[in-house]
Amino acid sequence: MRDFLLLLLRDARTAVAGWSRARRAAACAVALLFVLLTWRLEAPDLSTLRNWAEHTAAWFPLLFWALYVGITQFPVPRTLLTLSSGVLFGPWWGVVLALSATTASAVLSLAIVRGALGEWMAPRLRHPGVARISARLEQRGWLAVGSLRLIAGIPFSLLNYAAALSPVRLLPFAAATAAGSAPGTIAVVALGDSLAFGLDARMLTAMLLLAALGVAGLVLDRRLPVKPLP
């Protein structure tokens, strides 16, 4: 793995050296903007969302959905948005909005990162240091992604970026994201809907069980055989 990372750094330096000044300046500006937005961006609080709901009326669900997708393109926790969806829209519509926005956000992140770096990254995924991991993601990416989505401690956006630089296919990735994110999303939306009644210990137990299920999926994924890439 160390050799692979050194290869990436060397190849990236060579590629950037061949760019024009304008392209390098644009890349630096985009990277700086991403860092600044990540540093400054945060999900709006519940009172702000309620105020927007009053001013946008029937358009607010669409605005909230777009806001959810946009904010979660960055390494920003989505828990507050998911919780707010339960408070603002109730358990049923809250789940529909939060889960569909989660899946759309993941697909959009994968498409953006893969569109920007995928062509450059693809031949490097056959390096011996990562070839086995690449084969696993290409053949059973849905299981690995779905299992990781079940573990609350795995950052949502970072997993999207990592998957984008792997051979995992788009449709299995989207399906695994929806399935793996569903239990946690439903639990948080339900928590938002029942905030007035305090934290339910059963909810915490359910989250621990989901994390255990995610670990079990990773263990299963590790034990199943993987065919080598041609």
C-alpha atoms as a PDB file:
ATOM      1  CA  MET A   1       0.000   0.000   0.000  1.00  0.00           C
ATOM      2  CA  ARG A   2       2.881   2.360   0.766  1.00  0.00           C
ATOM      3  CA  ASP A   3       4.281   1.762  -2.734  1.00  0.00           C
ATOM      4  CA  PHE A   4       0.858   2.448  -4.220  1.00  0.00           C
ATOM      5  CA  LEU A   5       0.505   5.782  -2.397  1.00  0.00           C
ATOM      6  CA  LEU A   6       3.990   6.826  -3.486  1.00  0.00           C
ATOM      7  CA  LEU A   7       3.096   5.884  -7.064  1.00  0.00           C
ATOM      8  CA  LEU A   8      -0.042   8.041  -6.878  1.00  0.00           C
ATOM      9  CA  LEU A   9       1.892  11.017  -5.528  1.00  0.00           C
ATOM     10  CA  ARG A  10       4.577  10.669  -8.194  1.00  0.00           C
ATOM     11  CA  ASP A  11       2.055  10.277 -11.022  1.00  0.00           C
ATOM     12  CA  ALA A  12      -0.042  13.172  -9.717  1.00  0.00           C
ATOM     13  CA  ARG A  13       3.005  15.431  -9.558  1.00  0.00           C
ATOM     14  CA  THR A  14       3.946  14.461 -13.118  1.00  0.00           C
ATOM     15  CA  ALA A  15       0.400  15.044 -14.373  1.00  0.00           C
ATOM     16  CA  VAL A  16       0.092  18.452 -12.706  1.00  0.00           C
ATOM     17  CA  ALA A  17       3.514  19.500 -14.052  1.00  0.00           C
ATOM     18  CA  GLY A  18       2.176  18.966 -17.565  1.00  0.00           C
ATOM     19  CA  TRP A  19      -0.832  21.232 -17.046  1.00  0.00           C
ATOM     20  CA  SER A  20      -1.015  24.786 -18.280  1.00  0.00           C
ATOM     21  CA  ARG A  21      -0.775  27.613 -15.754  1.00  0.00           C
ATOM     22  CA  ALA A  22      -4.459  28.384 -16.198  1.00  0.00           C
ATOM     23  CA  ARG A  23      -5.456  24.794 -15.453  1.00  0.00           C
ATOM     24  CA  ARG A  24      -3.245  24.638 -12.379  1.00  0.00           C
ATOM     25  CA  ALA A  25      -4.670  27.927 -11.123  1.00  0.00           C
ATOM     26  CA  ALA A  26      -8.210  26.665 -11.678  1.00  0.00           C
ATOM     27  CA  ALA A  27      -7.465  23.412  -9.843  1.00  0.00           C
ATOM     28  CA  CYS A  28      -5.971  25.316  -6.906  1.00  0.00           C
ATOM     29  CA  ALA A  29      -8.991  27.638  -6.793  1.00  0.00           C
ATOM     30  CA  VAL A  30     -11.412  24.679  -6.774  1.00  0.00           C
ATOM     31  CA  ALA A  31      -9.431  22.914  -4.027  1.00  0.00           C
ATOM     32  CA  LEU A  32      -9.294  26.099  -1.930  1.00  0.00           C
ATOM     33  CA  LEU A  33     -13.029  26.699  -2.400  1.00  0.00           C
ATOM     34  CA  PHE A  34     -13.767  23.117  -1.333  1.00  0.00           C
ATOM     35  CA  VAL A  35     -11.679  23.514   1.834  1.00  0.00           C
ATOM     36  CA  LEU A  36     -13.287  26.859   2.693  1.00  0.00           C
ATOM     37  CA  LEU A  37     -16.818  25.555   2.141  1.00  0.00           C
ATOM     38  CA  THR A  38     -16.084  22.461   4.221  1.00  0.00           C
ATOM     39  CA  TRP A  39     -14.720  24.655   7.014  1.00  0.00           C
ATOM     40  CA  ARG A  40     -17.565  27.179   6.987  1.00  0.00           C
ATOM     41  CA  LEU A  41     -20.534  25.096   5.836  1.00  0.00           C
ATOM     42  CA  GLU A  42     -22.979  23.713   8.356  1.00  0.00           C
ATOM     43  CA  ALA A  43     -26.537  22.469   8.313  1.00  0.00           C
ATOM     44  CA  PRO A  44     -29.090  25.183   9.191  1.00  0.00           C
ATOM     45  CA  ASP A  45     -30.688  24.839  12.605  1.00  0.00           C
ATOM     46  CA  LEU A  46     -34.298  23.862  13.119  1.00  0.00           C
ATOM     47  CA  SER A  47     -35.561  27.400  13.732  1.00  0.00           C
ATOM     48  CA  THR A  48     -34.033  28.570  10.448  1.00  0.00           C
ATOM     49  CA  LEU A  49     -35.625  25.679   8.596  1.00  0.00           C
ATOM     50  CA  ARG A  50     -39.005  26.471  10.136  1.00  0.00           C
ATOM     51  CA  ASN A  51     -38.662  30.081   9.014  1.00  0.00           C
ATOM     52  CA  TRP A  52     -37.853  28.962   5.464  1.00  0.00           C
ATOM     53  CA  ALA A  53     -40.854  26.611   5.555  1.00  0.00           C
ATOM     54  CA  GLU A  54     -43.147  29.548   6.379  1.00  0.00           C
ATOM     55  CA  HIS A  55     -41.804  31.626   3.479  1.00  0.00           C
ATOM     56  CA  THR A  56     -41.649  28.906   0.809  1.00  0.00           C
ATOM     57  CA  ALA A  57     -44.839  27.029   1.768  1.00  0.00           C
ATOM     58  CA  ALA A  58     -45.505  24.169  -0.670  1.00  0.00           C
ATOM     59  CA  TRP A  59     -42.011  24.466  -2.196  1.00  0.00           C
ATOM     60  CA  PHE A  60     -40.254  23.807   1.089  1.00  0.00           C
ATOM     61  CA  PRO A  61     -39.970  19.972   0.741  1.00  0.00           C
ATOM     62  CA  LEU A  62     -38.174  20.447  -2.598  1.00  0.00           C
ATOM     63  CA  LEU A  63     -35.943  23.154  -1.111  1.00  0.00           C
ATOM     64  CA  PHE A  64     -35.117  20.949   1.878  1.00  0.00           C
ATOM     65  CA  TRP A  65     -34.316  17.985  -0.408  1.00  0.00           C
ATOM     66  CA  ALA A  66     -32.005  20.088  -2.594  1.00  0.00           C
ATOM     67  CA  LEU A  67     -30.338  21.567   0.495  1.00  0.00           C
ATOM     68  CA  TYR A  68     -29.772  18.071   1.894  1.00  0.00           C
ATOM     69  CA  VAL A  69     -28.182  16.870  -1.362  1.00  0.00           C
ATOM     70  CA  GLY A  70     -26.033  19.993  -1.691  1.00  0.00           C
ATOM     71  CA  ILE A  71     -24.695  20.138   1.858  1.00  0.00           C
ATOM     72  CA  THR A  72     -23.824  16.441   2.004  1.00  0.00           C
ATOM     73  CA  GLN A  73     -21.511  16.792  -0.999  1.00  0.00           C
ATOM     74  CA  PHE A  74     -19.051  18.056   1.594  1.00  0.00           C
ATOM     75  CA  PRO A  75     -17.648  16.289   4.685  1.00  0.00           C
ATOM     76  CA  VAL A  76     -20.444  17.718   6.837  1.00  0.00           C
ATOM     77  CA  PRO A  77     -22.453  15.449   9.204  1.00  0.00           C
ATOM     78  CA  ARG A  78     -25.952  14.819   7.846  1.00  0.00           C
ATOM     79  CA  THR A  79     -27.472  13.789  11.180  1.00  0.00           C
ATOM     80  CA  LEU A  80     -28.989  17.223  11.912  1.00  0.00           C
ATOM     81  CA  LEU A  81     -30.671  17.332   8.505  1.00  0.00           C
ATOM     82  CA  THR A  82     -32.031  13.814   8.944  1.00  0.00           C
ATOM     83  CA  LEU A  83     -33.269  14.666  12.433  1.00  0.00           C
ATOM     84  CA  SER A  84     -34.885  17.853  11.117  1.00  0.00           C
ATOM     85  CA  SER A  85     -36.704  15.902   8.404  1.00  0.00           C
ATOM     86  CA  GLY A  86     -38.448  13.899  11.132  1.00  0.00           C
ATOM     87  CA  VAL A  87     -39.379  17.028  13.087  1.00  0.00           C
ATOM     88  CA  LEU A  88     -40.593  18.969  10.035  1.00  0.00           C
ATOM     89  CA  PHE A  89     -42.245  16.300   7.888  1.00  0.00           C
ATOM     90  CA  GLY A  90     -43.173  13.496  10.260  1.00  0.00           C
ATOM     91  CA  PRO A  91     -42.025   9.873  10.117  1.00  0.00           C
ATOM     92  CA  TRP A  92     -43.284   8.861   6.660  1.00  0.00           C
ATOM     93  CA  TRP A  93     -42.436  11.870   4.487  1.00  0.00           C
ATOM     94  CA  GLY A  94     -39.357  12.474   6.614  1.00  0.00           C
ATOM     95  CA  VAL A  95     -37.968   9.047   5.711  1.00  0.00           C
ATOM     96  CA  VAL A  96     -38.858   9.466   2.027  1.00  0.00           C
ATOM     97  CA  LEU A  97     -37.137  12.855   1.790  1.00  0.00           C
ATOM     98  CA  ALA A  98     -34.074  11.967   3.864  1.00  0.00           C
ATOM     99  CA  LEU A  99     -33.424   8.575   2.282  1.00  0.00           C
ATOM    100  CA  SER A 100     -33.974   9.716  -1.310  1.00  0.00           C
ATOM    101  CA  ALA A 101     -31.735  12.756  -0.716  1.00  0.00           C
ATOM    102  CA  THR A 102     -29.077  10.530   0.857  1.00  0.00           C
ATOM    103  CA  THR A 103     -29.039   8.220  -2.163  1.00  0.00           C
ATOM    104  CA  ALA A 104     -29.077  11.101  -4.662  1.00  0.00           C
ATOM    105  CA  SER A 105     -26.249  12.838  -2.802  1.00  0.00           C
ATOM    106  CA  ALA A 106     -24.098   9.699  -2.829  1.00  0.00           C
ATOM    107  CA  VAL A 107     -24.680   9.129  -6.548  1.00  0.00           C
ATOM    108  CA  LEU A 108     -23.906  12.779  -7.336  1.00  0.00           C
ATOM    109  CA  SER A 109     -20.679  12.685  -5.300  1.00  0.00           C
ATOM    110  CA  LEU A 110     -19.592   9.491  -7.022  1.00  0.00           C
ATOM    111  CA  ALA A 111     -20.337  10.953 -10.459  1.00  0.00           C
ATOM    112  CA  ILE A 112     -18.456  14.202  -9.751  1.00  0.00           C
ATOM    113  CA  VAL A 113     -15.338  12.594  -8.277  1.00  0.00           C
ATOM    114  CA  ARG A 114     -15.291   9.803 -10.842  1.00  0.00           C
ATOM    115  CA  GLY A 115     -15.789  12.292 -13.660  1.00  0.00           C
ATOM    116  CA  ALA A 116     -12.886  14.393 -12.402  1.00  0.00           C
ATOM    117  CA  LEU A 117     -10.435  11.649 -11.434  1.00  0.00           C
ATOM    118  CA  GLY A 118     -11.863   8.312 -12.548  1.00  0.00           C
ATOM    119  CA  GLU A 119     -10.167   8.107 -15.947  1.00  0.00           C
ATOM    120  CA  TRP A 120      -6.794   8.969 -14.400  1.00  0.00           C
ATOM    121  CA  MET A 121      -7.316   6.596 -11.456  1.00  0.00           C
ATOM    122  CA  ALA A 122      -8.642   3.526 -13.332  1.00  0.00           C
ATOM    123  CA  PRO A 123      -5.326   2.079 -14.624  1.00  0.00           C
ATOM    124  CA  ARG A 124      -3.690   2.599 -11.240  1.00  0.00           C
ATOM    125  CA  LEU A 125      -6.259   0.385  -9.509  1.00  0.00           C
ATOM    126  CA  ARG A 126      -4.484  -2.632 -11.022  1.00  0.00           C
ATOM    127  CA  HIS A 127      -1.383  -1.937  -8.951  1.00  0.00           C
ATOM    128  CA  PRO A 128      -0.559  -5.040  -6.821  1.00  0.00           C
ATOM    129  CA  GLY A 129      -1.032  -3.000  -3.651  1.00  0.00           C
ATOM    130  CA  VAL A 130      -4.747  -2.427  -4.306  1.00  0.00           C
ATOM    131  CA  ALA A 131      -5.662  -4.933  -7.051  1.00  0.00           C
ATOM    132  CA  ARG A 132      -7.334  -7.331  -4.610  1.00  0.00           C
ATOM    133  CA  ILE A 133      -9.375  -4.536  -3.013  1.00  0.00           C
ATOM    134  CA  SER A 134     -10.351  -3.269  -6.477  1.00  0.00           C
ATOM    135  CA  ALA A 135     -11.472  -6.740  -7.538  1.00  0.00           C
ATOM    136  CA  ARG A 136     -13.561  -7.064  -4.386  1.00  0.00           C
ATOM    137  CA  LEU A 137     -15.264  -3.722  -4.955  1.00  0.00           C
ATOM    138  CA  GLU A 138     -15.875  -4.459  -8.621  1.00  0.00           C
ATOM    139  CA  GLN A 139     -17.448  -7.853  -7.950  1.00  0.00           C
ATOM    140  CA  ARG A 140     -19.218  -7.231  -4.626  1.00  0.00           C
ATOM    141  CA  GLY A 141     -19.131  -3.492  -4.101  1.00  0.00           C
ATOM    142  CA  TRP A 142     -22.779  -3.527  -3.037  1.00  0.00           C
ATOM    143  CA  LEU A 143     -22.000  -5.725  -0.016  1.00  0.00           C
ATOM    144  CA  ALA A 144     -19.011  -3.678   1.121  1.00  0.00           C
ATOM    145  CA  VAL A 145     -20.798  -0.352   0.600  1.00  0.00           C
ATOM    146  CA  GLY A 146     -24.014  -1.561   2.223  1.00  0.00           C
ATOM    147  CA  SER A 147     -22.169  -2.871   5.266  1.00  0.00           C
ATOM    148  CA  LEU A 148     -20.163   0.321   5.699  1.00  0.00           C
ATOM    149  CA  ARG A 149     -23.331   2.429   5.437  1.00  0.00           C
ATOM    150  CA  LEU A 150     -24.737   0.553   8.418  1.00  0.00           C
ATOM    151  CA  ILE A 151     -21.855   1.700  10.642  1.00  0.00           C
ATOM    152  CA  ALA A 152     -22.690   5.179  11.945  1.00  0.00           C
ATOM    153  CA  GLY A 153     -19.030   6.106  12.513  1.00  0.00           C
ATOM    154  CA  ILE A 154     -18.107   5.847   8.813  1.00  0.00           C
ATOM    155  CA  PRO A 155     -18.271   9.393   7.323  1.00  0.00           C
ATOM    156  CA  PHE A 156     -20.933   9.495   4.608  1.00  0.00           C
ATOM    157  CA  SER A 157     -19.165  11.826   2.168  1.00  0.00           C
ATOM    158  CA  LEU A 158     -15.716  10.250   2.558  1.00  0.00           C
ATOM    159  CA  LEU A 159     -17.139   6.834   1.693  1.00  0.00           C
ATOM    160  CA  ASN A 160     -18.656   8.379  -1.435  1.00  0.00           C
ATOM    161  CA  TYR A 161     -15.268   9.790  -2.486  1.00  0.00           C
ATOM    162  CA  ALA A 162     -13.504   6.484  -1.852  1.00  0.00           C
ATOM    163  CA  ALA A 163     -16.112   4.490  -3.780  1.00  0.00           C
ATOM    164  CA  ALA A 164     -15.804   6.907  -6.707  1.00  0.00           C
ATOM    165  CA  LEU A 165     -12.128   6.001  -7.071  1.00  0.00           C
ATOM    166  CA  SER A 166     -12.906   2.276  -7.077  1.00  0.00           C
ATOM    167  CA  PRO A 167     -14.424   0.050  -9.777  1.00  0.00           C
ATOM    168  CA  VAL A 168     -17.776  -0.283  -7.960  1.00  0.00           C
ATOM    169  CA  ARG A 169     -20.636   0.179 -10.448  1.00  0.00           C
ATOM    170  CA  LEU A 170     -23.126   3.020 -10.132  1.00  0.00           C
ATOM    171  CA  LEU A 171     -26.424   1.113  -9.792  1.00  0.00           C
ATOM    172  CA  PRO A 172     -25.168  -1.397  -7.166  1.00  0.00           C
ATOM    173  CA  PHE A 173     -23.597   1.529  -5.304  1.00  0.00           C
ATOM    174  CA  ALA A 174     -26.894   3.444  -5.304  1.00  0.00           C
ATOM    175  CA  ALA A 175     -28.893   0.389  -4.224  1.00  0.00           C
ATOM    176  CA  ALA A 176     -26.404  -0.483  -1.471  1.00  0.00           C
ATOM    177  CA  THR A 177     -26.408   3.122  -0.246  1.00  0.00           C
ATOM    178  CA  ALA A 178     -30.202   3.167  -0.039  1.00  0.00           C
ATOM    179  CA  ALA A 179     -30.407  -0.233   1.683  1.00  0.00           C
ATOM    180  CA  GLY A 180     -27.480   0.359   4.036  1.00  0.00           C
ATOM    181  CA  SER A 181     -28.550   3.888   4.967  1.00  0.00           C
ATOM    182  CA  ALA A 182     -32.218   3.006   5.477  1.00  0.00           C
ATOM    183  CA  PRO A 183     -32.076   1.596   9.040  1.00  0.00           C
ATOM    184  CA  GLY A 184     -30.061   4.480  10.464  1.00  0.00           C
ATOM    185  CA  THR A 185     -32.047   7.089   8.543  1.00  0.00           C
ATOM    186  CA  ILE A 186     -35.359   5.635   9.715  1.00  0.00           C
ATOM    187  CA  ALA A 187     -34.114   5.564  13.313  1.00  0.00           C
ATOM    188  CA  VAL A 188     -32.951   9.207  13.266  1.00  0.00           C
ATOM    189  CA  VAL A 189     -36.113  10.420  11.524  1.00  0.00           C
ATOM    190  CA  ALA A 190     -38.208   8.559  14.108  1.00  0.00           C
ATOM    191  CA  LEU A 191     -36.117  10.152  16.845  1.00  0.00           C
ATOM    192  CA  GLY A 192     -36.783  13.597  15.377  1.00  0.00           C
ATOM    193  CA  ASP A 193     -40.501  12.834  15.253  1.00  0.00           C
ATOM    194  CA  SER A 194     -40.526  11.828  18.909  1.00  0.00           C
ATOM    195  CA  LEU A 195     -38.219  14.493  20.370  1.00  0.00           C
ATOM    196  CA  ALA A 196     -40.964  15.684  22.667  1.00  0.00           C
ATOM    197  CA  PHE A 197     -40.918  12.301  24.417  1.00  0.00           C
ATOM    198  CA  GLY A 198     -37.173  12.163  25.081  1.00  0.00           C
ATOM    199  CA  LEU A 199     -34.545   9.663  23.921  1.00  0.00           C
ATOM    200  CA  ASP A 200     -35.770   6.089  23.717  1.00  0.00           C
ATOM    201  CA  ALA A 201     -33.204   3.566  24.978  1.00  0.00           C
ATOM    202  CA  ARG A 202     -34.529   1.124  22.395  1.00  0.00           C
ATOM    203  CA  MET A 203     -33.341   3.491  19.672  1.00  0.00           C
ATOM    204  CA  LEU A 204     -29.783   3.381  21.019  1.00  0.00           C
ATOM    205  CA  THR A 205     -29.949  -0.411  21.167  1.00  0.00           C
ATOM    206  CA  ALA A 206     -31.143  -0.510  17.562  1.00  0.00           C
ATOM    207  CA  MET A 207     -28.192   1.638  16.433  1.00  0.00           C
ATOM    208  CA  LEU A 208     -25.721  -0.693  18.156  1.00  0.00           C
ATOM    209  CA  LEU A 209     -27.357  -3.685  16.487  1.00  0.00           C
ATOM    210  CA  LEU A 210     -27.101  -1.985  13.102  1.00  0.00           C
ATOM    211  CA  ALA A 211     -23.401  -1.350  13.650  1.00  0.00           C
ATOM    212  CA  ALA A 212     -22.922  -5.027  14.556  1.00  0.00           C
ATOM    213  CA  LEU A 213     -24.800  -6.024  11.399  1.00  0.00           C
ATOM    214  CA  GLY A 214     -22.496  -3.815   9.349  1.00  0.00           C
ATOM    215  CA  VAL A 215     -19.412  -5.430  10.875  1.00  0.00           C
ATOM    216  CA  ALA A 216     -20.900  -8.872  10.158  1.00  0.00           C
ATOM    217  CA  GLY A 217     -21.349  -7.853   6.515  1.00  0.00           C
ATOM    218  CA  LEU A 218     -17.714  -6.791   6.309  1.00  0.00           C
ATOM    219  CA  VAL A 219     -16.605 -10.125   7.806  1.00  0.00           C
ATOM    220  CA  LEU A 220     -18.747 -12.004   5.289  1.00  0.00           C
ATOM    221  CA  ASP A 221     -17.360  -9.894   2.456  1.00  0.00           C
ATOM    222  CA  ARG A 222     -13.822 -10.679   3.593  1.00  0.00           C
ATOM    223  CA  ARG A 223     -14.410 -14.441   3.693  1.00  0.00           C
ATOM    224  CA  LEU A 224     -16.161 -14.832   0.334  1.00  0.00           C
ATOM    225  CA  PRO A 225     -13.758 -15.681  -2.531  1.00  0.00           C
ATOM    226  CA  VAL A 226     -12.866 -13.028  -5.086  1.00  0.00           C
ATOM    227  CA  LYS A 227     -11.919 -13.758  -8.694  1.00  0.00           C
ATOM    228  CA  PRO A 228      -8.769 -11.937  -9.808  1.00  0.00           C
ATOM    229  CA  LEU A 229      -9.163  -9.128 -12.320  1.00  0.00           C
ATOM    230  CA  PRO A 230      -8.274 -10.159 -15.898  1.00  0.00           C
END
